[in-house]
Amino acid sequence: MKKSITDFINGALYSFTNDKKGFSARKLTAFALMLCVGYMHVRYVDKTNVIDALLIDLSAILLLLGIITVQQLIELKLGKRNETQSNESVSG
């Protein structure tokens, strides 16, 4: 256990140099974001807003992975439908 903690700390410190020993910036960013999300869930999420928190988390994950775009999120929030979807529903 102590060795793994030491390895993690050394990897984090080597990340600030140009060595291959350190973690990548993407991994460090993902780790920091997950710590923030975990803290926010423990601190602010309760039974009344758990669905909202999960929708926000899912939207952020999909946005960061590039599966959806900001424009699609805005249209979802405003309740606008895609033109092809509305054309299919009228003709079908």
PDB file of N, CA and C in Angstrom:
ATOM      1  N   MET A   1       0.829  -1.198   0.000  1.00  0.00           N
ATOM      2  CA  MET A   1       0.000   0.000   0.000  1.00  0.00           C
ATOM      3  C   MET A   1       0.869   1.256   0.000  1.00  0.00           C
ATOM      4  N   LYS A   2       1.899   1.230   0.836  1.00  0.00           N
ATOM      5  CA  LYS A   2       2.776   2.390   0.925  1.00  0.00           C
ATOM      6  C   LYS A   2       3.533   2.603  -0.386  1.00  0.00           C
ATOM      7  N   LYS A   3       3.916   1.500  -1.052  1.00  0.00           N
ATOM      8  CA  LYS A   3       4.622   1.605  -2.329  1.00  0.00           C
ATOM      9  C   LYS A   3       3.729   2.199  -3.407  1.00  0.00           C
ATOM     10  N   SER A   4       2.458   1.803  -3.432  1.00  0.00           N
ATOM     11  CA  SER A   4       1.561   2.342  -4.448  1.00  0.00           C
ATOM     12  C   SER A   4       1.303   3.830  -4.237  1.00  0.00           C
ATOM     13  N   ILE A   5       1.215   4.254  -2.993  1.00  0.00           N
ATOM     14  CA  ILE A   5       1.045   5.689  -2.720  1.00  0.00           C
ATOM     15  C   ILE A   5       2.294   6.453  -3.137  1.00  0.00           C
ATOM     16  N   THR A   6       3.461   5.897  -2.836  1.00  0.00           N
ATOM     17  CA  THR A   6       4.721   6.525  -3.235  1.00  0.00           C
ATOM     18  C   THR A   6       4.835   6.588  -4.753  1.00  0.00           C
ATOM     19  N   ASP A   7       4.452   5.512  -5.443  1.00  0.00           N
ATOM     20  CA  ASP A   7       4.479   5.501  -6.909  1.00  0.00           C
ATOM     21  C   ASP A   7       3.542   6.558  -7.486  1.00  0.00           C
ATOM     22  N   PHE A   8       2.356   6.712  -6.888  1.00  0.00           N
ATOM     23  CA  PHE A   8       1.407   7.716  -7.372  1.00  0.00           C
ATOM     24  C   PHE A   8       1.969   9.125  -7.194  1.00  0.00           C
ATOM     25  N   ILE A   9       2.533   9.390  -6.026  1.00  0.00           N
ATOM     26  CA  ILE A   9       3.090  10.724  -5.769  1.00  0.00           C
ATOM     27  C   ILE A   9       4.265  10.997  -6.703  1.00  0.00           C
ATOM     28  N   ASN A  10       5.134  10.008  -6.888  1.00  0.00           N
ATOM     29  CA  ASN A  10       6.265  10.195  -7.806  1.00  0.00           C
ATOM     30  C   ASN A  10       5.793  10.406  -9.240  1.00  0.00           C
ATOM     31  N   GLY A  11       4.790   9.648  -9.664  1.00  0.00           N
ATOM     32  CA  GLY A  11       4.251   9.822 -11.011  1.00  0.00           C
ATOM     33  C   GLY A  11       3.651  11.197 -11.202  1.00  0.00           C
ATOM     34  N   ALA A  12       2.946  11.681 -10.173  1.00  0.00           N
ATOM     35  CA  ALA A  12       2.362  13.024 -10.251  1.00  0.00           C
ATOM     36  C   ALA A  12       3.449  14.088 -10.312  1.00  0.00           C
ATOM     37  N   LEU A  13       4.504  13.922  -9.523  1.00  0.00           N
ATOM     38  CA  LEU A  13       5.593  14.903  -9.544  1.00  0.00           C
ATOM     39  C   LEU A  13       6.377  14.852 -10.857  1.00  0.00           C
ATOM     40  N   TYR A  14       6.605  13.654 -11.397  1.00  0.00           N
ATOM     41  CA  TYR A  14       7.299  13.533 -12.683  1.00  0.00           C
ATOM     42  C   TYR A  14       6.456  14.082 -13.833  1.00  0.00           C
ATOM     43  N   SER A  15       5.179  14.273 -13.620  1.00  0.00           N
ATOM     44  CA  SER A  15       4.319  14.811 -14.673  1.00  0.00           C
ATOM     45  C   SER A  15       4.660  16.262 -14.999  1.00  0.00           C
ATOM     46  N   PHE A  16       5.289  16.943 -14.058  1.00  0.00           N
ATOM     47  CA  PHE A  16       5.643  18.339 -14.285  1.00  0.00           C
ATOM     48  C   PHE A  16       6.968  18.487 -15.030  1.00  0.00           C
ATOM     49  N   THR A  17       7.621  17.371 -15.323  1.00  0.00           N
ATOM     50  CA  THR A  17       8.848  17.401 -16.118  1.00  0.00           C
ATOM     51  C   THR A  17       8.554  16.779 -17.483  1.00  0.00           C
ATOM     52  N   ASN A  18       9.543  16.721 -18.322  1.00  0.00           N
ATOM     53  CA  ASN A  18       9.369  16.150 -19.658  1.00  0.00           C
ATOM     54  C   ASN A  18       9.741  14.671 -19.712  1.00  0.00           C
ATOM     55  N   ASP A  19       9.876  14.036 -18.563  1.00  0.00           N
ATOM     56  CA  ASP A  19      10.235  12.619 -18.519  1.00  0.00           C
ATOM     57  C   ASP A  19       9.057  11.749 -18.918  1.00  0.00           C
ATOM     58  N   LYS A  20       9.381  10.527 -19.338  1.00  0.00           N
ATOM     59  CA  LYS A  20       8.338   9.547 -19.660  1.00  0.00           C
ATOM     60  C   LYS A  20       7.774   8.902 -18.396  1.00  0.00           C
ATOM     61  N   LYS A  21       8.387   9.150 -17.252  1.00  0.00           N
ATOM     62  CA  LYS A  21       7.980   8.504 -16.004  1.00  0.00           C
ATOM     63  C   LYS A  21       6.642   9.033 -15.481  1.00  0.00           C
ATOM     64  N   GLY A  22       6.295  10.260 -15.801  1.00  0.00           N
ATOM     65  CA  GLY A  22       5.105  10.879 -15.243  1.00  0.00           C
ATOM     66  C   GLY A  22       3.827  10.484 -15.959  1.00  0.00           C
ATOM     67  N   PHE A  23       2.709  10.917 -15.382  1.00  0.00           N
ATOM     68  CA  PHE A  23       1.401  10.675 -15.970  1.00  0.00           C
ATOM     69  C   PHE A  23       1.153  11.676 -17.090  1.00  0.00           C
ATOM     70  N   SER A  24       0.228  11.338 -17.977  1.00  0.00           N
ATOM     71  CA  SER A  24      -0.104  12.270 -19.046  1.00  0.00           C
ATOM     72  C   SER A  24      -1.043  13.349 -18.514  1.00  0.00           C
ATOM     73  N   ALA A  25      -1.091  14.465 -19.210  1.00  0.00           N
ATOM     74  CA  ALA A  25      -1.953  15.571 -18.797  1.00  0.00           C
ATOM     75  C   ALA A  25      -3.419  15.163 -18.858  1.00  0.00           C
ATOM     76  N   ARG A  26      -3.766  14.336 -19.825  1.00  0.00           N
ATOM     77  CA  ARG A  26      -5.149  13.885 -19.952  1.00  0.00           C
ATOM     78  C   ARG A  26      -5.568  13.062 -18.735  1.00  0.00           C
ATOM     79  N   LYS A  27      -4.688  12.187 -18.274  1.00  0.00           N
ATOM     80  CA  LYS A  27      -5.000  11.371 -17.103  1.00  0.00           C
ATOM     81  C   LYS A  27      -5.108  12.221 -15.844  1.00  0.00           C
ATOM     82  N   LEU A  28      -4.202  13.189 -15.699  1.00  0.00           N
ATOM     83  CA  LEU A  28      -4.255  14.058 -14.530  1.00  0.00           C
ATOM     84  C   LEU A  28      -5.510  14.925 -14.533  1.00  0.00           C
ATOM     85  N   THR A  29      -5.887  15.422 -15.703  1.00  0.00           N
ATOM     86  CA  THR A  29      -7.103  16.228 -15.805  1.00  0.00           C
ATOM     87  C   THR A  29      -8.336  15.399 -15.481  1.00  0.00           C
ATOM     88  N   ALA A  30      -8.402  14.198 -16.021  1.00  0.00           N
ATOM     89  CA  ALA A  30      -9.536  13.321 -15.733  1.00  0.00           C
ATOM     90  C   ALA A  30      -9.607  12.982 -14.250  1.00  0.00           C
ATOM     91  N   PHE A  31      -8.475  12.730 -13.637  1.00  0.00           N
ATOM     92  CA  PHE A  31      -8.448  12.415 -12.209  1.00  0.00           C
ATOM     93  C   PHE A  31      -8.918  13.606 -11.382  1.00  0.00           C
ATOM     94  N   ALA A  32      -8.430  14.799 -11.710  1.00  0.00           N
ATOM     95  CA  ALA A  32      -8.839  15.997 -10.971  1.00  0.00           C
ATOM     96  C   ALA A  32     -10.330  16.266 -11.140  1.00  0.00           C
ATOM     97  N   LEU A  33     -10.849  16.096 -12.351  1.00  0.00           N
ATOM     98  CA  LEU A  33     -12.278  16.303 -12.573  1.00  0.00           C
ATOM     99  C   LEU A  33     -13.121  15.289 -11.805  1.00  0.00           C
ATOM    100  N   MET A  34     -12.670  14.046 -11.761  1.00  0.00           N
ATOM    101  CA  MET A  34     -13.419  13.026 -11.021  1.00  0.00           C
ATOM    102  C   MET A  34     -13.410  13.308  -9.524  1.00  0.00           C
ATOM    103  N   LEU A  35     -12.305  13.830  -9.005  1.00  0.00           N
ATOM    104  CA  LEU A  35     -12.280  14.226  -7.595  1.00  0.00           C
ATOM    105  C   LEU A  35     -13.284  15.348  -7.332  1.00  0.00           C
ATOM    106  N   CYS A  36     -13.348  16.326  -8.247  1.00  0.00           N
ATOM    107  CA  CYS A  36     -14.300  17.428  -8.095  1.00  0.00           C
ATOM    108  C   CYS A  36     -15.741  16.932  -8.178  1.00  0.00           C
ATOM    109  N   VAL A  37     -16.018  16.045  -9.123  1.00  0.00           N
ATOM    110  CA  VAL A  37     -17.372  15.498  -9.270  1.00  0.00           C
ATOM    111  C   VAL A  37     -17.756  14.703  -8.029  1.00  0.00           C
ATOM    112  N   GLY A  38     -16.842  13.892  -7.532  1.00  0.00           N
ATOM    113  CA  GLY A  38     -17.114  13.126  -6.321  1.00  0.00           C
ATOM    114  C   GLY A  38     -17.404  14.025  -5.134  1.00  0.00           C
ATOM    115  N   TYR A  39     -16.625  15.082  -4.975  1.00  0.00           N
ATOM    116  CA  TYR A  39     -16.859  16.030  -3.886  1.00  0.00           C
ATOM    117  C   TYR A  39     -18.217  16.705  -4.034  1.00  0.00           C
ATOM    118  N   MET A  40     -18.544  17.127  -5.246  1.00  0.00           N
ATOM    119  CA  MET A  40     -19.831  17.805  -5.467  1.00  0.00           C
ATOM    120  C   MET A  40     -21.002  16.872  -5.174  1.00  0.00           C
ATOM    121  N   HIS A  41     -20.876  15.599  -5.532  1.00  0.00           N
ATOM    122  CA  HIS A  41     -21.949  14.649  -5.269  1.00  0.00           C
ATOM    123  C   HIS A  41     -22.124  14.411  -3.772  1.00  0.00           C
ATOM    124  N   VAL A  42     -21.038  14.273  -3.060  1.00  0.00           N
ATOM    125  CA  VAL A  42     -21.123  14.042  -1.614  1.00  0.00           C
ATOM    126  C   VAL A  42     -21.662  15.272  -0.914  1.00  0.00           C
ATOM    127  N   ARG A  43     -21.225  16.432  -1.343  1.00  0.00           N
ATOM    128  CA  ARG A  43     -21.573  17.672  -0.649  1.00  0.00           C
ATOM    129  C   ARG A  43     -22.981  18.189  -0.983  1.00  0.00           C
ATOM    130  N   TYR A  44     -23.379  18.131  -2.257  1.00  0.00           N
ATOM    131  CA  TYR A  44     -24.579  18.857  -2.671  1.00  0.00           C
ATOM    132  C   TYR A  44     -25.717  18.001  -3.209  1.00  0.00           C
ATOM    133  N   VAL A  45     -25.502  16.749  -3.528  1.00  0.00           N
ATOM    134  CA  VAL A  45     -26.554  15.943  -4.130  1.00  0.00           C
ATOM    135  C   VAL A  45     -27.305  15.188  -3.037  1.00  0.00           C
ATOM    136  N   ASP A  46     -28.638  15.322  -3.071  1.00  0.00           N
ATOM    137  CA  ASP A  46     -29.488  14.568  -2.153  1.00  0.00           C
ATOM    138  C   ASP A  46     -30.655  13.981  -2.941  1.00  0.00           C
ATOM    139  N   LYS A  47     -31.630  13.454  -2.251  1.00  0.00           N
ATOM    140  CA  LYS A  47     -32.739  12.776  -2.931  1.00  0.00           C
ATOM    141  C   LYS A  47     -33.553  13.702  -3.820  1.00  0.00           C
ATOM    142  N   THR A  48     -33.570  14.978  -3.518  1.00  0.00           N
ATOM    143  CA  THR A  48     -34.398  15.898  -4.287  1.00  0.00           C
ATOM    144  C   THR A  48     -33.787  16.284  -5.627  1.00  0.00           C
ATOM    145  N   ASN A  49     -32.465  16.228  -5.750  1.00  0.00           N
ATOM    146  CA  ASN A  49     -31.843  16.681  -6.992  1.00  0.00           C
ATOM    147  C   ASN A  49     -30.923  15.638  -7.621  1.00  0.00           C
ATOM    148  N   VAL A  50     -31.090  14.381  -7.286  1.00  0.00           N
ATOM    149  CA  VAL A  50     -30.201  13.346  -7.813  1.00  0.00           C
ATOM    150  C   VAL A  50     -30.377  13.169  -9.330  1.00  0.00           C
ATOM    151  N   ILE A  51     -31.608  13.269  -9.826  1.00  0.00           N
ATOM    152  CA  ILE A  51     -31.841  13.125 -11.267  1.00  0.00           C
ATOM    153  C   ILE A  51     -31.175  14.260 -12.034  1.00  0.00           C
ATOM    154  N   ASP A  52     -31.301  15.480 -11.536  1.00  0.00           N
ATOM    155  CA  ASP A  52     -30.650  16.621 -12.186  1.00  0.00           C
ATOM    156  C   ASP A  52     -29.133  16.446 -12.211  1.00  0.00           C
ATOM    157  N   ALA A  53     -28.566  15.995 -11.109  1.00  0.00           N
ATOM    158  CA  ALA A  53     -27.121  15.799 -11.042  1.00  0.00           C
ATOM    159  C   ALA A  53     -26.668  14.725 -12.022  1.00  0.00           C
ATOM    160  N   LEU A  54     -27.412  13.644 -12.124  1.00  0.00           N
ATOM    161  CA  LEU A  54     -27.045  12.586 -13.059  1.00  0.00           C
ATOM    162  C   LEU A  54     -27.155  13.044 -14.510  1.00  0.00           C
ATOM    163  N   LEU A  55     -28.180  13.838 -14.830  1.00  0.00           N
ATOM    164  CA  LEU A  55     -28.311  14.367 -16.191  1.00  0.00           C
ATOM    165  C   LEU A  55     -27.169  15.321 -16.529  1.00  0.00           C
ATOM    166  N   ILE A  56     -26.780  16.137 -15.565  1.00  0.00           N
ATOM    167  CA  ILE A  56     -25.654  17.045 -15.788  1.00  0.00           C
ATOM    168  C   ILE A  56     -24.369  16.256 -15.983  1.00  0.00           C
ATOM    169  N   ASP A  57     -24.158  15.228 -15.159  1.00  0.00           N
ATOM    170  CA  ASP A  57     -22.964  14.395 -15.302  1.00  0.00           C
ATOM    171  C   ASP A  57     -22.929  13.703 -16.660  1.00  0.00           C
ATOM    172  N   LEU A  58     -24.036  13.117 -17.055  1.00  0.00           N
ATOM    173  CA  LEU A  58     -24.086  12.420 -18.333  1.00  0.00           C
ATOM    174  C   LEU A  58     -23.859  13.381 -19.496  1.00  0.00           C
ATOM    175  N   SER A  59     -24.469  14.559 -19.428  1.00  0.00           N
ATOM    176  CA  SER A  59     -24.266  15.553 -20.493  1.00  0.00           C
ATOM    177  C   SER A  59     -22.805  15.984 -20.573  1.00  0.00           C
ATOM    178  N   ALA A  60     -22.178  16.198 -19.426  1.00  0.00           N
ATOM    179  CA  ALA A  60     -20.775  16.610 -19.413  1.00  0.00           C
ATOM    180  C   ALA A  60     -19.879  15.511 -19.967  1.00  0.00           C
ATOM    181  N   ILE A  61     -20.150  14.272 -19.600  1.00  0.00           N
ATOM    182  CA  ILE A  61     -19.340  13.162 -20.108  1.00  0.00           C
ATOM    183  C   ILE A  61     -19.485  13.046 -21.622  1.00  0.00           C
ATOM    184  N   LEU A  62     -20.713  13.095 -22.107  1.00  0.00           N
ATOM    185  CA  LEU A  62     -20.929  12.987 -23.555  1.00  0.00           C
ATOM    186  C   LEU A  62     -20.306  14.157 -24.297  1.00  0.00           C
ATOM    187  N   LEU A  63     -20.375  15.349 -23.713  1.00  0.00           N
ATOM    188  CA  LEU A  63     -19.784  16.526 -24.336  1.00  0.00           C
ATOM    189  C   LEU A  63     -18.265  16.422 -24.366  1.00  0.00           C
ATOM    190  N   LEU A  64     -17.671  15.998 -23.261  1.00  0.00           N
ATOM    191  CA  LEU A  64     -16.214  15.896 -23.211  1.00  0.00           C
ATOM    192  C   LEU A  64     -15.681  14.781 -24.099  1.00  0.00           C
ATOM    193  N   LEU A  65     -16.453  13.735 -24.286  1.00  0.00           N
ATOM    194  CA  LEU A  65     -16.028  12.661 -25.180  1.00  0.00           C
ATOM    195  C   LEU A  65     -16.289  12.995 -26.646  1.00  0.00           C
ATOM    196  N   GLY A  66     -17.024  14.058 -26.911  1.00  0.00           N
ATOM    197  CA  GLY A  66     -17.290  14.471 -28.275  1.00  0.00           C
ATOM    198  C   GLY A  66     -18.436  13.726 -28.922  1.00  0.00           C
ATOM    199  N   ILE A  67     -19.243  13.049 -28.128  1.00  0.00           N
ATOM    200  CA  ILE A  67     -20.364  12.306 -28.685  1.00  0.00           C
ATOM    201  C   ILE A  67     -21.507  13.251 -29.054  1.00  0.00           C
ATOM    202  N   ILE A  68     -21.674  14.327 -28.289  1.00  0.00           N
ATOM    203  CA  ILE A  68     -22.670  15.341 -28.610  1.00  0.00           C
ATOM    204  C   ILE A  68     -21.978  16.696 -28.686  1.00  0.00           C
ATOM    205  N   THR A  69     -22.673  17.687 -29.246  1.00  0.00           N
ATOM    206  CA  THR A  69     -22.115  19.027 -29.367  1.00  0.00           C
ATOM    207  C   THR A  69     -22.891  19.986 -28.478  1.00  0.00           C
ATOM    208  N   VAL A  70     -22.339  21.166 -28.299  1.00  0.00           N
ATOM    209  CA  VAL A  70     -22.999  22.186 -27.493  1.00  0.00           C
ATOM    210  C   VAL A  70     -24.323  22.589 -28.141  1.00  0.00           C
ATOM    211  N   GLN A  71     -24.345  22.677 -29.469  1.00  0.00           N
ATOM    212  CA  GLN A  71     -25.577  23.032 -30.180  1.00  0.00           C
ATOM    213  C   GLN A  71     -26.676  22.023 -29.892  1.00  0.00           C
ATOM    214  N   GLN A  72     -26.334  20.739 -29.865  1.00  0.00           N
ATOM    215  CA  GLN A  72     -27.336  19.718 -29.555  1.00  0.00           C
ATOM    216  C   GLN A  72     -27.843  19.860 -28.125  1.00  0.00           C
ATOM    217  N   LEU A  73     -26.971  20.222 -27.195  1.00  0.00           N
ATOM    218  CA  LEU A  73     -27.405  20.436 -25.811  1.00  0.00           C
ATOM    219  C   LEU A  73     -28.347  21.624 -25.703  1.00  0.00           C
ATOM    220  N   ILE A  74     -28.047  22.700 -26.441  1.00  0.00           N
ATOM    221  CA  ILE A  74     -28.915  23.881 -26.412  1.00  0.00           C
ATOM    222  C   ILE A  74     -30.289  23.543 -26.979  1.00  0.00           C
ATOM    223  N   GLU A  75     -30.303  22.814 -28.090  1.00  0.00           N
ATOM    224  CA  GLU A  75     -31.588  22.416 -28.678  1.00  0.00           C
ATOM    225  C   GLU A  75     -32.366  21.499 -27.744  1.00  0.00           C
ATOM    226  N   LEU A  76     -31.677  20.620 -27.045  1.00  0.00           N
ATOM    227  CA  LEU A  76     -32.338  19.749 -26.080  1.00  0.00           C
ATOM    228  C   LEU A  76     -32.937  20.557 -24.935  1.00  0.00           C
ATOM    229  N   LYS A  77     -32.195  21.533 -24.450  1.00  0.00           N
ATOM    230  CA  LYS A  77     -32.664  22.371 -23.345  1.00  0.00           C
ATOM    231  C   LYS A  77     -33.875  23.210 -23.767  1.00  0.00           C
ATOM    232  N   LEU A  78     -33.859  23.724 -24.995  1.00  0.00           N
ATOM    233  CA  LEU A  78     -34.957  24.572 -25.472  1.00  0.00           C
ATOM    234  C   LEU A  78     -36.138  23.764 -25.981  1.00  0.00           C
ATOM    235  N   GLY A  79     -35.965  22.477 -26.136  1.00  0.00           N
ATOM    236  CA  GLY A  79     -37.051  21.624 -26.595  1.00  0.00           C
ATOM    237  C   GLY A  79     -37.224  21.606 -28.097  1.00  0.00           C
ATOM    238  N   LYS A  80     -36.223  22.066 -28.841  1.00  0.00           N
ATOM    239  CA  LYS A  80     -36.308  22.060 -30.297  1.00  0.00           C
ATOM    240  C   LYS A  80     -36.012  20.664 -30.811  1.00  0.00           C
ATOM    241  N   ARG A  81     -36.680  20.283 -31.881  1.00  0.00           N
ATOM    242  CA  ARG A  81     -36.450  18.986 -32.493  1.00  0.00           C
ATOM    243  C   ARG A  81     -35.672  19.164 -33.780  1.00  0.00           C
ATOM    244  N   ASN A  82     -34.979  18.150 -34.157  1.00  0.00           N
ATOM    245  CA  ASN A  82     -34.236  18.155 -35.411  1.00  0.00           C
ATOM    246  C   ASN A  82     -35.224  18.151 -36.571  1.00  0.00           C
ATOM    247  N   GLU A  83     -34.912  18.848 -37.667  1.00  0.00           N
ATOM    248  CA  GLU A  83     -35.844  18.939 -38.803  1.00  0.00           C
ATOM    249  C   GLU A  83     -36.123  17.570 -39.415  1.00  0.00           C
ATOM    250  N   THR A  84     -35.125  16.716 -39.483  1.00  0.00           N
ATOM    251  CA  THR A  84     -35.341  15.379 -40.063  1.00  0.00           C
ATOM    252  C   THR A  84     -36.265  14.562 -39.183  1.00  0.00           C
ATOM    253  N   GLN A  85     -36.185  14.729 -37.872  1.00  0.00           N
ATOM    254  CA  GLN A  85     -37.071  13.998 -36.977  1.00  0.00           C
ATOM    255  C   GLN A  85     -38.499  14.489 -37.132  1.00  0.00           C
ATOM    256  N   SER A  86     -38.684  15.804 -37.242  1.00  0.00           N
ATOM    257  CA  SER A  86     -40.046  16.321 -37.376  1.00  0.00           C
ATOM    258  C   SER A  86     -40.639  15.980 -38.741  1.00  0.00           C
ATOM    259  N   ASN A  87     -39.802  15.944 -39.806  1.00  0.00           N
ATOM    260  CA  ASN A  87     -40.291  15.554 -41.118  1.00  0.00           C
ATOM    261  C   ASN A  87     -40.699  14.090 -41.150  1.00  0.00           C
ATOM    262  N   GLU A  88     -39.936  13.250 -40.475  1.00  0.00           N
ATOM    263  CA  GLU A  88     -40.285  11.822 -40.430  1.00  0.00           C
ATOM    264  C   GLU A  88     -41.590  11.593 -39.675  1.00  0.00           C
ATOM    265  N   SER A  89     -41.802  12.361 -38.596  1.00  0.00           N
ATOM    266  CA  SER A  89     -43.016  12.161 -37.824  1.00  0.00           C
ATOM    267  C   SER A  89     -44.250  12.669 -38.581  1.00  0.00           C
ATOM    268  N   VAL A  90     -44.078  13.689 -39.443  1.00  0.00           N
ATOM    269  CA  VAL A  90     -45.218  14.194 -40.222  1.00  0.00           C
ATOM    270  C   VAL A  90     -45.568  13.231 -41.339  1.00  0.00           C
ATOM    271  N   SER A  91     -44.534  12.697 -42.019  1.00  0.00           N
ATOM    272  CA  SER A  91     -44.800  11.799 -43.146  1.00  0.00           C
ATOM    273  C   SER A  91     -45.174  10.396 -42.688  1.00  0.00           C
ATOM    274  N   GLY A  92     -44.757   9.995 -41.482  1.00  0.00           N
ATOM    275  CA  GLY A  92     -44.987   8.619 -41.021  1.00  0.00           C
ATOM    276  C   GLY A  92     -46.127   8.525 -40.149  1.00  0.00           C
TER     277      GLY A  92
END
